[in-house]
Structures are given as structure tokens and as C-alpha cells.
N, C-alpha and C. Protein backbone atom coordinates (compact mmCIF):
# COMPACT_ATOMS: atom_id res chain seq x y z
N MET A 1 11.51 -14.74 9.06
CA MET A 1 10.77 -13.63 9.68
C MET A 1 10.14 -14.10 10.99
N HIS A 2 10.27 -13.28 12.02
CA HIS A 2 9.71 -13.65 13.30
C HIS A 2 8.19 -13.61 13.24
N SER A 3 7.55 -14.50 13.97
CA SER A 3 6.10 -14.43 14.13
C SER A 3 5.78 -13.34 15.13
N GLN A 4 4.52 -12.90 15.10
CA GLN A 4 4.09 -11.88 16.05
C GLN A 4 4.24 -12.36 17.49
N THR A 5 3.98 -13.65 17.71
CA THR A 5 4.12 -14.20 19.07
C THR A 5 5.57 -14.12 19.54
N ALA A 6 6.50 -14.46 18.64
CA ALA A 6 7.92 -14.41 18.99
C ALA A 6 8.36 -12.98 19.26
N ILE A 7 7.88 -12.05 18.46
CA ILE A 7 8.23 -10.64 18.64
C ILE A 7 7.72 -10.14 19.98
N ARG A 8 6.47 -10.48 20.32
CA ARG A 8 5.91 -10.05 21.61
C ARG A 8 6.71 -10.63 22.76
N LEU A 9 7.15 -11.90 22.64
CA LEU A 9 7.94 -12.51 23.70
C LEU A 9 9.28 -11.81 23.85
N GLU A 10 9.94 -11.54 22.72
CA GLU A 10 11.22 -10.83 22.76
C GLU A 10 11.06 -9.44 23.36
N ASP A 11 9.99 -8.75 22.98
CA ASP A 11 9.73 -7.42 23.54
C ASP A 11 9.49 -7.50 25.05
N ALA A 12 8.74 -8.50 25.47
CA ALA A 12 8.45 -8.65 26.91
C ALA A 12 9.74 -8.89 27.70
N ILE A 13 10.65 -9.67 27.11
CA ILE A 13 11.94 -9.92 27.78
C ILE A 13 12.73 -8.61 27.89
N LEU A 14 12.73 -7.82 26.81
CA LEU A 14 13.42 -6.54 26.84
C LEU A 14 12.84 -5.61 27.89
N VAL A 15 11.51 -5.58 27.99
CA VAL A 15 10.86 -4.73 28.99
C VAL A 15 11.20 -5.19 30.40
N ASP A 16 11.18 -6.50 30.63
CA ASP A 16 11.56 -7.03 31.95
C ASP A 16 12.99 -6.62 32.31
N ARG A 17 13.89 -6.74 31.34
CA ARG A 17 15.28 -6.34 31.59
C ARG A 17 15.37 -4.85 31.91
N LEU A 18 14.64 -4.05 31.14
CA LEU A 18 14.69 -2.60 31.35
C LEU A 18 14.11 -2.23 32.71
N GLN A 19 13.00 -2.86 33.08
CA GLN A 19 12.39 -2.57 34.38
C GLN A 19 13.27 -3.02 35.53
N SER A 20 14.22 -3.91 35.24
CA SER A 20 15.18 -4.35 36.24
C SER A 20 16.43 -3.49 36.25
N GLY A 21 16.44 -2.44 35.41
CA GLY A 21 17.56 -1.51 35.42
C GLY A 21 18.59 -1.71 34.34
N ASP A 22 18.34 -2.61 33.40
CA ASP A 22 19.28 -2.89 32.32
C ASP A 22 19.03 -1.92 31.16
N LEU A 23 19.78 -0.82 31.10
CA LEU A 23 19.55 0.18 30.07
C LEU A 23 19.97 -0.30 28.68
N ALA A 24 20.78 -1.34 28.62
CA ALA A 24 21.13 -1.89 27.31
C ALA A 24 19.88 -2.41 26.61
N ALA A 25 18.90 -2.87 27.37
CA ALA A 25 17.65 -3.35 26.78
C ALA A 25 16.91 -2.21 26.09
N PHE A 26 17.04 -1.00 26.63
CA PHE A 26 16.37 0.15 26.01
C PHE A 26 17.02 0.46 24.67
N ALA A 27 18.33 0.34 24.60
CA ALA A 27 19.01 0.55 23.32
C ALA A 27 18.53 -0.46 22.29
N GLU A 28 18.26 -1.68 22.72
CA GLU A 28 17.75 -2.70 21.80
C GLU A 28 16.35 -2.36 21.31
N LEU A 29 15.51 -1.84 22.21
CA LEU A 29 14.17 -1.42 21.80
C LEU A 29 14.24 -0.28 20.79
N ILE A 30 15.15 0.65 21.03
CA ILE A 30 15.31 1.77 20.09
C ILE A 30 15.73 1.24 18.72
N ASP A 31 16.74 0.36 18.71
CA ASP A 31 17.20 -0.20 17.44
C ASP A 31 16.06 -0.93 16.72
N ARG A 32 15.20 -1.58 17.48
CA ARG A 32 14.13 -2.38 16.89
C ARG A 32 13.04 -1.52 16.27
N TYR A 33 12.71 -0.39 16.89
CA TYR A 33 11.51 0.34 16.47
C TYR A 33 11.74 1.77 16.01
N GLN A 34 12.95 2.30 16.11
CA GLN A 34 13.11 3.72 15.79
C GLN A 34 12.83 4.03 14.32
N ASP A 35 13.19 3.13 13.41
CA ASP A 35 12.97 3.42 11.99
C ASP A 35 11.48 3.49 11.66
N ARG A 36 10.71 2.53 12.15
CA ARG A 36 9.26 2.54 11.89
C ARG A 36 8.61 3.77 12.51
N LEU A 37 9.01 4.08 13.73
CA LEU A 37 8.42 5.23 14.41
C LEU A 37 8.79 6.52 13.71
N TYR A 38 10.05 6.65 13.34
CA TYR A 38 10.50 7.85 12.63
C TYR A 38 9.75 8.01 11.31
N ASN A 39 9.62 6.94 10.55
CA ASN A 39 8.93 7.02 9.26
C ASN A 39 7.47 7.45 9.43
N ALA A 40 6.80 6.91 10.45
CA ALA A 40 5.41 7.29 10.69
C ALA A 40 5.31 8.76 11.09
N GLN A 41 6.22 9.20 11.94
CA GLN A 41 6.17 10.60 12.38
C GLN A 41 6.58 11.55 11.25
N LEU A 42 7.49 11.09 10.38
CA LEU A 42 7.83 11.89 9.22
C LEU A 42 6.61 12.09 8.33
N ARG A 43 5.81 11.03 8.15
CA ARG A 43 4.58 11.15 7.37
C ARG A 43 3.60 12.12 8.05
N MET A 44 3.62 12.13 9.38
CA MET A 44 2.68 12.99 10.11
C MET A 44 3.06 14.46 10.01
N VAL A 45 4.36 14.77 10.20
CA VAL A 45 4.75 16.17 10.31
C VAL A 45 5.43 16.70 9.06
N GLY A 46 5.91 15.80 8.18
CA GLY A 46 6.43 16.23 6.90
C GLY A 46 7.79 16.90 6.93
N ASN A 47 8.45 16.89 8.06
CA ASN A 47 9.74 17.57 8.18
C ASN A 47 10.70 16.65 8.92
N ALA A 48 11.87 16.38 8.31
CA ALA A 48 12.79 15.39 8.87
C ALA A 48 13.32 15.80 10.23
N ASP A 49 13.66 17.09 10.41
CA ASP A 49 14.18 17.53 11.71
C ASP A 49 13.13 17.37 12.81
N ASP A 50 11.90 17.79 12.50
CA ASP A 50 10.83 17.65 13.49
C ASP A 50 10.57 16.18 13.81
N ALA A 51 10.59 15.33 12.78
CA ALA A 51 10.35 13.90 12.99
C ALA A 51 11.43 13.29 13.88
N ARG A 52 12.68 13.68 13.67
CA ARG A 52 13.76 13.18 14.53
C ARG A 52 13.56 13.63 15.97
N ASP A 53 13.18 14.91 16.15
CA ASP A 53 12.95 15.41 17.50
C ASP A 53 11.80 14.66 18.17
N LEU A 54 10.74 14.44 17.43
CA LEU A 54 9.58 13.74 17.99
C LEU A 54 9.90 12.29 18.32
N THR A 55 10.72 11.65 17.49
CA THR A 55 11.11 10.28 17.77
C THR A 55 11.94 10.21 19.04
N GLN A 56 12.87 11.14 19.21
CA GLN A 56 13.66 11.17 20.44
C GLN A 56 12.77 11.42 21.65
N GLU A 57 11.81 12.35 21.51
CA GLU A 57 10.91 12.64 22.62
C GLU A 57 10.04 11.43 22.95
N THR A 58 9.64 10.69 21.92
CA THR A 58 8.84 9.48 22.15
C THR A 58 9.60 8.48 23.01
N PHE A 59 10.84 8.22 22.65
CA PHE A 59 11.62 7.24 23.41
C PHE A 59 11.96 7.75 24.80
N LEU A 60 12.16 9.05 24.95
CA LEU A 60 12.39 9.61 26.28
C LEU A 60 11.17 9.41 27.17
N ARG A 61 10.00 9.70 26.63
CA ARG A 61 8.77 9.52 27.42
C ARG A 61 8.53 8.04 27.73
N ALA A 62 8.86 7.18 26.77
CA ALA A 62 8.72 5.75 27.01
C ALA A 62 9.64 5.29 28.13
N LEU A 63 10.87 5.79 28.13
CA LEU A 63 11.82 5.42 29.19
C LEU A 63 11.30 5.85 30.56
N LEU A 64 10.75 7.05 30.63
CA LEU A 64 10.21 7.54 31.91
C LEU A 64 8.98 6.75 32.34
N ALA A 65 8.22 6.24 31.36
CA ALA A 65 6.98 5.54 31.69
C ALA A 65 7.16 4.03 31.84
N ILE A 66 8.34 3.52 31.49
CA ILE A 66 8.51 2.06 31.47
C ILE A 66 8.25 1.40 32.82
N PRO A 67 8.51 2.04 33.97
CA PRO A 67 8.20 1.35 35.23
C PRO A 67 6.72 0.99 35.39
N SER A 68 5.84 1.76 34.73
CA SER A 68 4.39 1.50 34.87
C SER A 68 3.83 0.66 33.73
N PHE A 69 4.69 0.26 32.78
CA PHE A 69 4.22 -0.56 31.66
C PHE A 69 3.93 -1.97 32.16
N ARG A 70 2.71 -2.46 31.90
CA ARG A 70 2.29 -3.75 32.42
C ARG A 70 2.04 -4.79 31.33
N GLY A 71 2.32 -4.44 30.10
CA GLY A 71 2.19 -5.41 29.03
C GLY A 71 0.78 -5.66 28.55
N SER A 72 -0.15 -4.76 28.86
CA SER A 72 -1.53 -4.94 28.39
C SER A 72 -1.66 -4.67 26.90
N SER A 73 -0.68 -3.99 26.32
CA SER A 73 -0.64 -3.78 24.87
C SER A 73 0.74 -4.18 24.38
N GLN A 74 0.88 -4.35 23.06
CA GLN A 74 2.18 -4.66 22.49
C GLN A 74 3.10 -3.46 22.64
N VAL A 75 4.40 -3.73 22.76
CA VAL A 75 5.36 -2.65 22.99
C VAL A 75 5.30 -1.64 21.84
N TYR A 76 5.28 -2.13 20.59
CA TYR A 76 5.33 -1.16 19.50
C TYR A 76 4.04 -0.36 19.37
N THR A 77 2.89 -0.95 19.72
CA THR A 77 1.67 -0.14 19.69
C THR A 77 1.69 0.89 20.82
N TRP A 78 2.29 0.52 21.93
CA TRP A 78 2.47 1.47 23.05
C TRP A 78 3.37 2.62 22.62
N LEU A 79 4.48 2.31 21.96
CA LEU A 79 5.38 3.35 21.48
C LEU A 79 4.69 4.21 20.43
N PHE A 80 3.95 3.57 19.52
CA PHE A 80 3.24 4.33 18.50
C PHE A 80 2.19 5.25 19.13
N ARG A 81 1.55 4.80 20.19
CA ARG A 81 0.55 5.65 20.86
C ARG A 81 1.21 6.93 21.38
N ILE A 82 2.34 6.78 22.04
CA ILE A 82 3.07 7.95 22.54
C ILE A 82 3.49 8.84 21.36
N GLY A 83 4.08 8.20 20.34
CA GLY A 83 4.61 8.96 19.22
C GLY A 83 3.56 9.66 18.39
N MET A 84 2.46 8.98 18.12
CA MET A 84 1.42 9.60 17.29
C MET A 84 0.70 10.71 18.04
N ASN A 85 0.55 10.56 19.35
CA ASN A 85 -0.03 11.65 20.13
C ASN A 85 0.86 12.89 20.07
N LEU A 86 2.16 12.68 20.20
CA LEU A 86 3.09 13.81 20.08
C LEU A 86 2.99 14.46 18.70
N ALA A 87 2.94 13.62 17.66
CA ALA A 87 2.88 14.15 16.29
C ALA A 87 1.58 14.89 16.03
N MET A 88 0.46 14.35 16.50
CA MET A 88 -0.83 15.02 16.29
C MET A 88 -0.87 16.34 17.04
N ASN A 89 -0.33 16.38 18.25
CA ASN A 89 -0.27 17.64 18.99
C ASN A 89 0.61 18.65 18.27
N HIS A 90 1.69 18.17 17.70
CA HIS A 90 2.58 19.03 16.92
C HIS A 90 1.82 19.63 15.74
N ARG A 91 1.05 18.82 15.04
CA ARG A 91 0.27 19.32 13.91
C ARG A 91 -0.79 20.32 14.37
N ARG A 92 -1.44 20.02 15.48
CA ARG A 92 -2.53 20.90 15.94
C ARG A 92 -2.01 22.27 16.37
N ARG A 93 -0.74 22.32 16.75
CA ARG A 93 -0.17 23.61 17.12
C ARG A 93 0.10 24.48 15.90
N GLY A 94 -0.21 23.94 14.74
CA GLY A 94 -0.10 24.73 13.52
C GLY A 94 1.27 24.76 12.91
N GLN A 95 2.14 23.82 13.32
CA GLN A 95 3.48 23.77 12.75
C GLN A 95 3.40 22.98 11.46
N ARG A 96 3.28 23.70 10.36
CA ARG A 96 3.03 23.09 9.07
C ARG A 96 4.26 22.37 8.54
N ALA A 97 4.00 21.40 7.69
CA ALA A 97 5.09 20.59 7.14
C ALA A 97 5.88 21.36 6.10
N LYS A 98 7.13 20.99 5.98
CA LYS A 98 7.99 21.46 4.90
C LYS A 98 8.27 20.27 4.00
N ALA A 99 8.56 20.54 2.74
CA ALA A 99 8.84 19.44 1.82
C ALA A 99 10.07 18.68 2.29
N VAL A 100 10.00 17.35 2.21
CA VAL A 100 11.12 16.51 2.60
C VAL A 100 11.97 16.24 1.36
N ARG A 101 13.23 16.62 1.41
CA ARG A 101 14.11 16.48 0.25
C ARG A 101 15.31 15.60 0.59
N ASP A 102 15.75 14.88 -0.41
CA ASP A 102 17.00 14.13 -0.30
C ASP A 102 18.15 15.14 -0.36
N PRO A 103 19.18 15.02 0.52
CA PRO A 103 20.29 15.96 0.50
C PRO A 103 20.99 16.02 -0.86
N ARG A 104 20.90 14.95 -1.65
CA ARG A 104 21.56 14.92 -2.95
C ARG A 104 20.74 15.63 -4.02
N GLY A 105 19.54 16.08 -3.65
CA GLY A 105 18.68 16.73 -4.62
C GLY A 105 17.48 15.86 -4.92
N GLY A 106 16.32 16.49 -5.14
CA GLY A 106 15.10 15.73 -5.42
C GLY A 106 14.42 15.30 -4.13
N HIS A 107 13.47 14.41 -4.25
CA HIS A 107 12.69 13.96 -3.10
C HIS A 107 13.36 12.78 -2.42
N ASP A 108 13.15 12.67 -1.14
CA ASP A 108 13.63 11.53 -0.37
C ASP A 108 13.07 10.26 -1.00
N PRO A 109 13.91 9.28 -1.38
CA PRO A 109 13.40 8.08 -2.05
C PRO A 109 12.46 7.27 -1.18
N VAL A 110 12.65 7.29 0.15
CA VAL A 110 11.74 6.56 1.04
C VAL A 110 10.36 7.20 0.99
N VAL A 111 10.34 8.54 1.05
CA VAL A 111 9.07 9.26 0.94
C VAL A 111 8.41 8.92 -0.39
N GLY A 112 9.22 8.87 -1.44
CA GLY A 112 8.67 8.57 -2.76
C GLY A 112 8.02 7.22 -2.83
N ARG A 113 8.69 6.21 -2.28
CA ARG A 113 8.12 4.86 -2.32
C ARG A 113 6.81 4.81 -1.54
N GLN A 114 6.79 5.47 -0.38
CA GLN A 114 5.58 5.43 0.43
C GLN A 114 4.46 6.22 -0.23
N ALA A 115 4.81 7.32 -0.89
CA ALA A 115 3.80 8.09 -1.60
C ALA A 115 3.21 7.27 -2.74
N GLU A 116 4.07 6.55 -3.45
CA GLU A 116 3.59 5.70 -4.54
C GLU A 116 2.63 4.64 -4.00
N HIS A 117 3.01 4.04 -2.86
CA HIS A 117 2.16 3.01 -2.26
C HIS A 117 0.81 3.60 -1.89
N LEU A 118 0.83 4.76 -1.25
CA LEU A 118 -0.43 5.37 -0.81
C LEU A 118 -1.27 5.79 -2.00
N LEU A 119 -0.64 6.25 -3.05
CA LEU A 119 -1.41 6.62 -4.24
C LEU A 119 -2.12 5.40 -4.81
N ARG A 120 -1.43 4.26 -4.85
CA ARG A 120 -2.08 3.04 -5.33
C ARG A 120 -3.26 2.68 -4.45
N GLU A 121 -3.04 2.77 -3.11
CA GLU A 121 -4.14 2.46 -2.18
C GLU A 121 -5.32 3.38 -2.43
N ALA A 122 -5.04 4.68 -2.55
CA ALA A 122 -6.12 5.64 -2.73
C ALA A 122 -6.84 5.40 -4.04
N SER A 123 -6.08 5.08 -5.09
CA SER A 123 -6.69 4.84 -6.40
C SER A 123 -7.62 3.63 -6.35
N GLU A 124 -7.14 2.56 -5.71
CA GLU A 124 -7.94 1.34 -5.65
C GLU A 124 -9.18 1.53 -4.79
N ARG A 125 -9.00 2.12 -3.61
CA ARG A 125 -10.10 2.21 -2.67
C ARG A 125 -11.10 3.30 -3.04
N ALA A 126 -10.64 4.33 -3.71
CA ALA A 126 -11.53 5.42 -4.12
C ALA A 126 -12.00 5.26 -5.55
N GLU A 127 -11.63 4.14 -6.20
CA GLU A 127 -12.02 3.85 -7.57
C GLU A 127 -11.57 4.93 -8.54
N LEU A 128 -10.37 5.45 -8.30
CA LEU A 128 -9.79 6.40 -9.23
C LEU A 128 -9.07 5.64 -10.34
N PRO A 129 -9.00 6.18 -11.54
CA PRO A 129 -8.32 5.48 -12.63
C PRO A 129 -6.86 5.21 -12.27
N PRO A 130 -6.39 3.96 -12.33
CA PRO A 130 -5.02 3.66 -11.95
C PRO A 130 -3.99 4.02 -13.01
N ASP A 131 -4.44 4.32 -14.23
CA ASP A 131 -3.51 4.56 -15.32
C ASP A 131 -3.35 6.05 -15.62
N CYS A 132 -3.28 6.85 -14.52
CA CYS A 132 -3.13 8.29 -14.71
C CYS A 132 -1.81 8.58 -15.39
N GLN A 133 -1.74 9.75 -16.04
CA GLN A 133 -0.56 10.09 -16.84
C GLN A 133 0.42 10.99 -16.11
N LEU A 134 0.19 11.20 -14.81
CA LEU A 134 1.10 12.06 -14.06
C LEU A 134 2.47 11.40 -13.94
N GLU A 135 3.52 12.20 -13.98
CA GLU A 135 4.86 11.68 -13.78
C GLU A 135 5.04 11.28 -12.32
N ALA A 136 6.04 10.42 -12.07
CA ALA A 136 6.26 9.88 -10.72
C ALA A 136 6.46 10.99 -9.70
N ALA A 137 7.30 11.97 -10.00
CA ALA A 137 7.58 13.04 -9.04
C ALA A 137 6.32 13.85 -8.76
N GLU A 138 5.51 14.07 -9.79
CA GLU A 138 4.26 14.81 -9.61
C GLU A 138 3.30 14.03 -8.73
N ARG A 139 3.25 12.72 -8.94
CA ARG A 139 2.36 11.89 -8.12
C ARG A 139 2.79 11.94 -6.66
N GLN A 140 4.10 11.86 -6.44
CA GLN A 140 4.60 11.90 -5.07
C GLN A 140 4.23 13.21 -4.39
N GLU A 141 4.44 14.31 -5.10
CA GLU A 141 4.13 15.61 -4.52
C GLU A 141 2.63 15.77 -4.31
N LEU A 142 1.85 15.27 -5.25
CA LEU A 142 0.40 15.31 -5.15
C LEU A 142 -0.09 14.60 -3.89
N VAL A 143 0.39 13.39 -3.68
CA VAL A 143 -0.04 12.61 -2.51
C VAL A 143 0.43 13.28 -1.23
N ARG A 144 1.67 13.77 -1.24
CA ARG A 144 2.20 14.42 -0.04
C ARG A 144 1.33 15.61 0.36
N ARG A 145 0.97 16.42 -0.63
CA ARG A 145 0.14 17.59 -0.32
C ARG A 145 -1.24 17.18 0.15
N ALA A 146 -1.81 16.16 -0.50
CA ALA A 146 -3.16 15.71 -0.13
C ALA A 146 -3.19 15.19 1.30
N ILE A 147 -2.19 14.42 1.68
CA ILE A 147 -2.14 13.90 3.05
C ILE A 147 -1.92 15.04 4.03
N ASP A 148 -1.07 15.98 3.66
CA ASP A 148 -0.76 17.10 4.55
C ASP A 148 -1.99 17.95 4.85
N GLU A 149 -2.97 17.94 3.95
CA GLU A 149 -4.17 18.74 4.14
C GLU A 149 -5.20 18.05 5.04
N LEU A 150 -5.01 16.77 5.32
CA LEU A 150 -5.94 16.07 6.19
C LEU A 150 -5.81 16.55 7.62
N GLN A 151 -6.88 16.42 8.40
CA GLN A 151 -6.82 16.71 9.82
C GLN A 151 -5.86 15.71 10.48
N PRO A 152 -5.24 16.10 11.62
CA PRO A 152 -4.22 15.24 12.23
C PRO A 152 -4.65 13.79 12.46
N GLN A 153 -5.86 13.56 12.97
CA GLN A 153 -6.23 12.18 13.23
C GLN A 153 -6.53 11.42 11.93
N GLN A 154 -7.08 12.11 10.93
CA GLN A 154 -7.27 11.46 9.63
C GLN A 154 -5.92 11.08 9.04
N ARG A 155 -4.97 11.99 9.14
CA ARG A 155 -3.62 11.73 8.65
C ARG A 155 -3.01 10.53 9.36
N ALA A 156 -3.18 10.49 10.69
CA ALA A 156 -2.63 9.39 11.48
C ALA A 156 -3.23 8.05 11.09
N ILE A 157 -4.54 8.03 10.91
CA ILE A 157 -5.20 6.76 10.64
C ILE A 157 -4.86 6.24 9.24
N ILE A 158 -4.69 7.13 8.27
CA ILE A 158 -4.25 6.73 6.94
C ILE A 158 -2.84 6.16 6.99
N ILE A 159 -1.95 6.83 7.71
CA ILE A 159 -0.57 6.38 7.82
C ILE A 159 -0.49 5.01 8.50
N LEU A 160 -1.21 4.86 9.61
CA LEU A 160 -1.14 3.60 10.36
C LEU A 160 -1.69 2.43 9.56
N ARG A 161 -2.76 2.66 8.81
CA ARG A 161 -3.39 1.56 8.08
C ARG A 161 -2.75 1.33 6.71
N ASP A 162 -2.61 2.39 5.92
CA ASP A 162 -2.24 2.22 4.51
C ASP A 162 -0.74 2.28 4.26
N ILE A 163 0.04 2.78 5.23
CA ILE A 163 1.49 2.79 5.07
C ILE A 163 2.15 1.83 6.05
N GLU A 164 1.78 1.90 7.32
CA GLU A 164 2.37 1.01 8.32
C GLU A 164 1.70 -0.37 8.37
N ASN A 165 0.54 -0.49 7.73
CA ASN A 165 -0.16 -1.78 7.63
C ASN A 165 -0.55 -2.36 8.99
N LEU A 166 -0.86 -1.52 9.95
CA LEU A 166 -1.39 -2.01 11.22
C LEU A 166 -2.82 -2.47 11.01
N ASP A 167 -3.24 -3.47 11.78
CA ASP A 167 -4.63 -3.92 11.66
C ASP A 167 -5.52 -3.02 12.52
N TYR A 168 -6.83 -3.24 12.41
CA TYR A 168 -7.77 -2.35 13.09
C TYR A 168 -7.58 -2.37 14.60
N GLU A 169 -7.31 -3.55 15.17
CA GLU A 169 -7.14 -3.66 16.60
C GLU A 169 -5.90 -2.89 17.06
N GLN A 170 -4.83 -2.98 16.29
CA GLN A 170 -3.60 -2.25 16.65
C GLN A 170 -3.82 -0.74 16.54
N ILE A 171 -4.50 -0.31 15.50
CA ILE A 171 -4.79 1.12 15.36
C ILE A 171 -5.66 1.60 16.51
N ALA A 172 -6.63 0.78 16.90
CA ALA A 172 -7.48 1.13 18.02
C ALA A 172 -6.66 1.33 19.29
N GLU A 173 -5.65 0.48 19.50
CA GLU A 173 -4.78 0.63 20.66
C GLU A 173 -3.96 1.91 20.58
N VAL A 174 -3.39 2.16 19.41
CA VAL A 174 -2.54 3.34 19.24
C VAL A 174 -3.33 4.63 19.47
N LEU A 175 -4.51 4.72 18.85
CA LEU A 175 -5.30 5.95 18.91
C LEU A 175 -6.31 5.96 20.06
N GLU A 176 -6.35 4.86 20.81
CA GLU A 176 -7.26 4.73 21.96
C GLU A 176 -8.71 4.98 21.54
N LEU A 177 -9.12 4.22 20.53
CA LEU A 177 -10.47 4.29 20.00
C LEU A 177 -11.07 2.89 19.94
N ALA A 178 -12.38 2.81 19.82
CA ALA A 178 -13.02 1.52 19.57
C ALA A 178 -12.74 1.10 18.13
N VAL A 179 -12.72 -0.21 17.89
CA VAL A 179 -12.43 -0.72 16.55
C VAL A 179 -13.44 -0.18 15.54
N GLY A 180 -14.71 -0.15 15.92
CA GLY A 180 -15.72 0.38 15.02
C GLY A 180 -15.48 1.84 14.67
N THR A 181 -15.00 2.60 15.63
CA THR A 181 -14.69 4.01 15.38
C THR A 181 -13.51 4.13 14.43
N VAL A 182 -12.52 3.25 14.60
CA VAL A 182 -11.37 3.24 13.68
C VAL A 182 -11.85 3.01 12.25
N LYS A 183 -12.72 2.03 12.06
CA LYS A 183 -13.19 1.71 10.71
C LYS A 183 -13.95 2.89 10.09
N SER A 184 -14.81 3.51 10.87
CA SER A 184 -15.60 4.61 10.32
C SER A 184 -14.72 5.83 10.04
N ARG A 185 -13.77 6.10 10.91
CA ARG A 185 -12.89 7.25 10.68
C ARG A 185 -11.92 6.99 9.53
N LEU A 186 -11.51 5.74 9.37
CA LEU A 186 -10.65 5.41 8.24
C LEU A 186 -11.41 5.62 6.93
N HIS A 187 -12.68 5.21 6.91
CA HIS A 187 -13.49 5.41 5.72
C HIS A 187 -13.60 6.90 5.40
N ARG A 188 -13.86 7.72 6.42
CA ARG A 188 -13.99 9.16 6.19
C ARG A 188 -12.65 9.76 5.74
N ALA A 189 -11.55 9.27 6.32
CA ALA A 189 -10.23 9.78 5.93
C ALA A 189 -9.93 9.45 4.48
N ARG A 190 -10.27 8.23 4.05
CA ARG A 190 -10.03 7.85 2.66
C ARG A 190 -10.92 8.66 1.71
N MET A 191 -12.14 8.93 2.14
CA MET A 191 -13.01 9.74 1.30
C MET A 191 -12.48 11.17 1.19
N ALA A 192 -11.95 11.70 2.31
CA ALA A 192 -11.37 13.04 2.27
C ALA A 192 -10.15 13.07 1.36
N LEU A 193 -9.35 12.01 1.40
CA LEU A 193 -8.19 11.92 0.52
C LEU A 193 -8.65 11.82 -0.94
N ARG A 194 -9.71 11.04 -1.16
CA ARG A 194 -10.24 10.91 -2.52
C ARG A 194 -10.67 12.27 -3.06
N GLU A 195 -11.34 13.06 -2.23
CA GLU A 195 -11.81 14.37 -2.69
C GLU A 195 -10.65 15.26 -3.11
N ARG A 196 -9.52 15.13 -2.39
CA ARG A 196 -8.36 15.96 -2.72
C ARG A 196 -7.63 15.47 -3.96
N LEU A 197 -7.69 14.17 -4.18
CA LEU A 197 -6.97 13.60 -5.32
C LEU A 197 -7.80 13.57 -6.61
N ALA A 198 -9.12 13.47 -6.45
CA ALA A 198 -9.98 13.26 -7.62
C ALA A 198 -9.81 14.28 -8.73
N PRO A 199 -9.66 15.60 -8.43
CA PRO A 199 -9.53 16.56 -9.54
C PRO A 199 -8.33 16.28 -10.44
N TYR A 200 -7.30 15.68 -9.90
CA TYR A 200 -6.11 15.41 -10.69
C TYR A 200 -6.30 14.22 -11.63
N PHE A 201 -7.38 13.47 -11.38
CA PHE A 201 -7.64 12.29 -12.20
C PHE A 201 -8.86 12.48 -13.11
N ALA A 202 -9.44 13.67 -13.07
CA ALA A 202 -10.70 13.90 -13.77
C ALA A 202 -10.59 13.61 -15.25
N GLY A 203 -9.45 13.93 -15.82
CA GLY A 203 -9.31 13.72 -17.26
C GLY A 203 -8.54 12.49 -17.63
N ALA A 204 -8.26 11.65 -16.63
CA ALA A 204 -7.45 10.45 -16.91
C ALA A 204 -8.25 9.40 -17.63
């Protein structure tokens, strides 16, 4: 596994190549980060088609902005900043999420795994009983609905921290907030999630 230092160096080389007119470097950046960005935007908007459109728009805006990129932030946090702003604006326009389904039937397995992970995080951090009796599919749908009800920035901060595992400094860069503000808003977002989940665990 590459170290963060090695990744930043590789990204810087790709940016230098792209700023010199090498569009193949942009294809490499897309290959490197499109899956993470798409997954985060899917969590934000809840609809696969919208997430794909937003991911494409993110990379288009990044390509247009690359001449002014000076490396003051990491490439992926820069991309996430563009992408999450687009996703939050999309949510604020009132375009509500649709359930994400696997074409073969049932829920998307990636969504399911991430929902399970977030449920564990919420249970641990909100001191909810971890041995609830809900079935896996019910838990996934429960978490999906609970996250969908959060305000856009609360939703973003939960996704960045508890699903994407970004640290506080990286989240601060993405959302353009102070680290202290990130911590306080994350706490409020988790409490809001707890309030939505707690009734389902009342009898557990």
C-alpha cells in the first residue's frame, strides 16, 4: 500500500503533466479517484444516475480549474471539495434521493456494506445496543433513510468521516471549515443520526 507521502508525490506529478498539456494524466487521475468520489456522491444524493452525473461534472470542473491548482491541498481533497459542493447544492435544490437497487434485484451490495458500517459506527458512538434484532436488509434501509433525512452538510460530514474515513484536517479542507467547526458539526450530525435511529432500538 502506498504511503500518503508517495500518493501526494504521484498526484503532484500527474498535475504537473496535466498542466503541461498531457491529457493522459487526467485519465489517470480519473482512474485513481472516480470510484471513491462516485461512492461519496452516491451516499449524498442516493441515486446512481445523479451520482454518475455529479461525478462527471466534478471531473469536468476540475479539468477547467487545473491551470490554477497550486498544490496547497491534496488532489483528492480538492476533488472532494468540488464534488461535495455539487452534491450538497443538488440536495438543497430539493432533488430527493431514490432507493439505490442492484439491477439483479435487491439492494446494491456496496450500499449495503457501507450502510452496515455506518450502522455499527452509529451504534457505538451513540451507545445504541449493538445486538439489535433487525434483519440485514431492514438495517440497511433504516440507515439509508436516516442519513437521507439529515441536512446536506450533516450528511456530507458523516459520509466523509464515518464512511470515507477522512481525518478532521482533510474534512476541513473539503468543506472549507475550521477543524474545530468540523468536530462540533460532526458531533451534532451523529446526535441527529442517533435521534433518527434510536426509536428502532428502543426495545432491543
